[in-house]
Amino acid sequence: MSPARFDNRPIGVFDSGIGGLTVAAALRRALPNEDIFYLGDTERVPYGNKSPESIIRFARQDVAFLMRKGVKTVVAACNTVSSVAMEALHKSYPGLPILGVIEAGVDAALAAEAERITVIGTRATVNSDSYRRALHAVNPGLIVETLACPLLVPLAEEGVCDDPVTFHVFDLYLSELRRNPSDILVLGCTHYPVFRKALEHYFGGGLRIIDSANACAEMVKKYLAENSFGASPRKKGISRFFMTDLPSNIQESAGRFLGEEAGRVEKVSLDV
């Protein structure tokens, strides 16, 4: 019997800021033997209000940086990138597996066998119509609505996640959904899981919420297993965190999304 083959190179994860740390945290829980290298483009956050051309350019630079770090696969932990730039990334880096959170969120929503699904996200994600198109490609009979909630990202970044201001913003975007709830609410932005408890309270527990971060981690775990791409089970994974800018509150903010202290965060440039 030939010995098992393992790939101990790290998994690269990137986002426009620190919201994608929710995906990094989910990956650490699901794959404790894998090294996780996270890049947050905090200098240019958010991507959600940028043009498609800028989003694609930024995403290419993010992937190129992670490739220079020797990653074996890349996770676009940014719904904006996943909705706008995936085709361009696959063309630019044909030999590199690049996975996105939208595919994971769509798979989780379909598995729930709901009839009516609401997706909340940034303006770029909603304007791309990616979730609806992906869901209808599998089940054209689904009722799918998408709602842009642009103020939630800055609230998450500031840690205003369960405050009267938070619920005023919910009312701004979600009051009609509260009166007439869907079967499922998909959190179509990796910043949004920090609002999960507040959203459950807002909707009175009457709406099932799908967290695309956890769904993404399960998708990556399945992909690595199916392609014999995983690290040795005897190995203990490490994490490294790279940011293009280091705000004064970076440790506090990163810890909020990661669920624990981030440790050292390295400031980097995306220029070659």
Foldseek 3Di string as FASTA:
>chain_A
DDDADEAQAAEEEEAQAQLLLLLVLLLCVLFQQHAYEYEHAPVDPDPLPPDLVVLQVVVLLSVVVVVVSPHQAYEHSWLLCVLRHPVVNCVVCVVHHYHYLLVLLLVVVVVVVFQEEEEEEANSNQVSCRNVVVNCVVPVRHHYYYWYQHVLVVCLLVVVQADPVNVVSCCVTPVVCLVPPGQEYEHSGSSCVSNVVVVCVSSVVRHHYDRSSNSVSVVVVVVCVVVSHHHDPVGGYHYAAEYQDQPPCNQVSNCSSSVHGPPDYHHDDSDD
